Amino acid sequence: MKNEKITVGNELLRFLITGLVCALADFLTCTLVLKFLGGLPSIWQTIISVSAGFIVGVIMNYLLSTYWVFKGSDDKKTKTPMFIFWFVLLSAIALALSIGSFELCRVIILNASNININELDIIHSIVTFSFWTDAMFWLYFLAFCIKTIVGLIWNYFTRKYILYKNKNK
């Protein structure tokens, strides 16, 4: 693959599109897994569902980041086991930040409104399109967005300045 010069604006746009696609996959995976974890304590529901979404998202993110977003990076380097190790390790830190953010939101919402967002039937709200007027859905969605933004900021800076930094700049 030939390296092409990508402007910062174009790179950022590609990163945001990648982030949206991966966040949608993360959201759907997290929500579907959460639907089937009803018997577990809430903290385990959070850890397992957020981790499942993370796994799907990190695989998609690696592929899109390597082959589309940061195309100006050293192609050979980005396919080495060491690079993939660092990609996954830095992504795992993002996962820990995401779990922490989501759990903090869950606890704040629970303490403020006595609603456990892990117990909401998000799938039903989406399938029946009742989410437009479902305040509980929006609480869950807000927690998911906060978790995603925390991970997005961490991922952009670690990928831009550590993983995919172009030595030719």
Protein backbone atom coordinates (compact mmCIF):
# COMPACT_ATOMS: atom_id res chain seq x y z
CA MET A 1 0.00 0.00 0.00
CA LYS A 2 1.40 3.37 -0.97
CA ASN A 3 1.67 5.94 1.82
CA GLU A 4 -0.37 9.03 1.10
CA LYS A 5 -0.19 12.44 2.74
CA ILE A 6 -3.24 12.97 4.91
CA THR A 7 -4.06 16.37 6.36
CA VAL A 8 -4.73 16.68 10.08
CA GLY A 9 -8.33 17.67 9.35
CA ASN A 10 -8.87 14.66 7.09
CA GLU A 11 -7.21 12.39 9.65
CA LEU A 12 -9.40 13.76 12.44
CA LEU A 13 -12.53 13.32 10.30
CA ARG A 14 -11.54 9.71 9.56
CA PHE A 15 -10.83 9.15 13.26
CA LEU A 16 -14.26 10.51 14.23
CA ILE A 17 -16.05 8.40 11.60
CA THR A 18 -14.12 5.35 12.80
CA GLY A 19 -15.03 6.25 16.37
CA LEU A 20 -18.72 6.52 15.51
CA VAL A 21 -18.76 3.19 13.67
CA CYS A 22 -16.86 1.45 16.48
CA ALA A 23 -19.00 3.15 19.15
CA LEU A 24 -22.16 1.91 17.42
CA ALA A 25 -20.76 -1.64 17.33
CA ASP A 26 -19.69 -1.23 20.98
CA PHE A 27 -23.14 0.09 21.96
CA LEU A 28 -25.00 -2.74 20.26
CA THR A 29 -22.67 -5.40 21.66
CA CYS A 30 -22.69 -3.93 25.18
CA THR A 31 -26.48 -3.57 25.17
CA LEU A 32 -27.11 -7.09 23.82
CA VAL A 33 -24.72 -8.69 26.31
CA LEU A 34 -26.20 -6.67 29.18
CA LYS A 35 -29.65 -8.00 28.22
CA PHE A 36 -28.53 -11.55 29.07
CA LEU A 37 -26.71 -10.84 32.36
CA GLY A 38 -29.72 -10.15 34.56
CA GLY A 39 -28.77 -12.59 37.35
CA LEU A 40 -25.32 -11.15 38.00
CA PRO A 41 -24.45 -8.31 40.40
CA SER A 42 -24.45 -4.90 38.67
CA ILE A 43 -20.68 -4.42 38.83
CA TRP A 44 -20.17 -7.72 36.96
CA GLN A 45 -22.85 -6.77 34.45
CA THR A 46 -20.92 -3.56 33.78
CA ILE A 47 -17.53 -5.27 33.53
CA ILE A 48 -18.71 -8.07 31.23
CA SER A 49 -20.94 -5.99 28.93
CA VAL A 50 -18.46 -3.12 28.58
CA SER A 51 -15.63 -5.61 27.98
CA ALA A 52 -17.62 -7.43 25.26
CA GLY A 53 -18.31 -4.12 23.51
CA PHE A 54 -14.64 -3.24 23.91
CA ILE A 55 -13.44 -6.44 22.25
CA VAL A 56 -15.63 -5.87 19.20
CA GLY A 57 -14.70 -2.18 19.12
CA VAL A 58 -10.94 -2.67 19.51
CA ILE A 59 -10.76 -5.18 16.67
CA MET A 60 -12.70 -2.88 14.36
CA ASN A 61 -10.71 0.11 15.59
CA TYR A 62 -7.34 -1.54 14.93
CA LEU A 63 -8.36 -2.46 11.40
CA LEU A 64 -9.85 0.93 10.56
CA SER A 65 -7.04 2.90 12.27
CA THR A 66 -4.31 0.91 10.54
CA TYR A 67 -5.82 0.71 7.07
CA TRP A 68 -7.79 3.95 6.83
CA VAL A 69 -7.26 6.62 9.52
CA PHE A 70 -3.48 6.69 9.95
CA LYS A 71 -2.51 5.54 6.45
CA GLY A 72 0.60 7.74 6.47
CA SER A 73 2.19 5.63 9.21
CA ASP A 74 4.83 2.97 8.66
CA ASP A 75 2.79 0.06 7.25
CA LYS A 76 5.31 -2.61 8.23
CA LYS A 77 5.54 -1.41 11.82
CA THR A 78 1.75 -1.40 12.36
CA LYS A 79 1.49 -5.10 11.55
CA THR A 80 4.17 -6.36 13.95
CA PRO A 81 3.26 -8.34 17.07
CA MET A 82 4.88 -5.65 19.26
CA PHE A 83 2.75 -2.90 17.68
CA ILE A 84 -0.42 -4.98 18.12
CA PHE A 85 0.59 -5.67 21.74
CA TRP A 86 0.93 -1.92 22.43
CA PHE A 87 -2.32 -1.20 20.58
CA VAL A 88 -4.18 -3.71 22.76
CA LEU A 89 -2.43 -2.60 25.97
CA LEU A 90 -3.26 1.08 25.41
CA SER A 91 -6.78 0.07 24.42
CA ALA A 92 -7.07 -1.97 27.64
CA ILE A 93 -6.26 1.19 29.60
CA ALA A 94 -9.07 2.87 27.66
CA LEU A 95 -11.28 -0.08 28.64
CA ALA A 96 -10.46 0.43 32.33
CA LEU A 97 -11.23 4.15 32.01
CA SER A 98 -14.48 3.28 30.19
CA ILE A 99 -15.61 0.74 32.80
CA GLY A 100 -14.80 3.23 35.53
CA SER A 101 -16.70 6.02 33.78
CA PHE A 102 -19.74 3.86 33.08
CA GLU A 103 -19.81 2.45 36.60
CA LEU A 104 -19.46 5.95 38.09
CA CYS A 105 -22.40 7.11 35.97
CA ARG A 106 -24.42 4.05 37.02
CA VAL A 107 -23.77 4.73 40.70
CA ILE A 108 -24.55 8.46 40.38
CA ILE A 109 -27.81 7.72 38.54
CA LEU A 110 -28.71 5.01 41.06
CA ASN A 111 -28.07 7.35 44.01
CA ALA A 112 -29.88 10.30 42.39
CA SER A 113 -32.93 8.47 41.06
CA ASN A 114 -32.89 4.94 42.49
CA ILE A 115 -32.67 3.61 38.90
CA ASN A 116 -30.12 0.95 37.98
CA ILE A 117 -29.40 1.58 34.30
CA ASN A 118 -28.02 -1.96 33.97
CA GLU A 119 -31.52 -3.29 34.61
CA LEU A 120 -33.27 -1.23 31.94
CA ASP A 121 -34.71 -3.00 28.91
CA ILE A 122 -32.78 -0.97 26.34
CA ILE A 123 -33.39 -3.50 23.56
CA HIS A 124 -37.16 -3.19 24.01
CA SER A 125 -36.91 0.62 23.91
CA ILE A 126 -34.93 0.47 20.67
CA VAL A 127 -37.03 -2.20 18.94
CA THR A 128 -40.34 -0.53 19.79
CA PHE A 129 -38.97 2.97 19.12
CA SER A 130 -40.22 4.01 22.56
CA PHE A 131 -36.74 5.28 23.41
CA TRP A 132 -37.65 8.75 22.09
CA THR A 133 -39.78 9.32 25.20
CA ASP A 134 -38.06 6.86 27.56
CA ALA A 135 -36.09 8.85 30.15
CA MET A 136 -34.42 5.65 31.35
CA PHE A 137 -33.04 4.97 27.88
CA TRP A 138 -31.53 8.45 27.77
CA LEU A 139 -29.88 7.95 31.18
CA TYR A 140 -28.28 4.76 29.85
CA PHE A 141 -27.35 6.48 26.60
CA LEU A 142 -25.79 9.42 28.50
CA ALA A 143 -23.68 7.03 30.60
CA PHE A 144 -22.64 5.21 27.43
CA CYS A 145 -21.70 8.51 25.72
CA ILE A 146 -19.61 9.67 28.70
CA LYS A 147 -17.80 6.31 28.76
CA THR A 148 -17.23 6.54 25.01
CA ILE A 149 -15.91 10.12 25.10
CA VAL A 150 -13.43 9.23 27.86
CA GLY A 151 -12.16 6.31 25.77
CA LEU A 152 -12.18 8.36 22.56
CA ILE A 153 -9.95 11.08 24.02
CA TRP A 154 -7.49 8.53 25.44
CA ASN A 155 -7.43 6.54 22.20
CA TYR A 156 -6.93 9.52 19.91
CA PHE A 157 -3.96 10.88 21.80
CA THR A 158 -2.28 7.52 22.38
CA ARG A 159 -2.73 6.51 18.75
CA LYS A 160 -1.78 9.86 17.27
CA TYR A 161 1.26 10.53 19.44
CA ILE A 162 2.45 7.06 20.45
CA LEU A 163 1.30 4.34 18.07
CA TYR A 164 0.86 5.92 14.66
CA LYS A 165 3.23 8.86 14.92
CA ASN A 166 4.84 9.40 11.55
CA LYS A 167 8.60 9.68 11.82
CA ASN A 168 8.72 11.56 8.51
CA LYS A 169 6.98 14.60 9.99
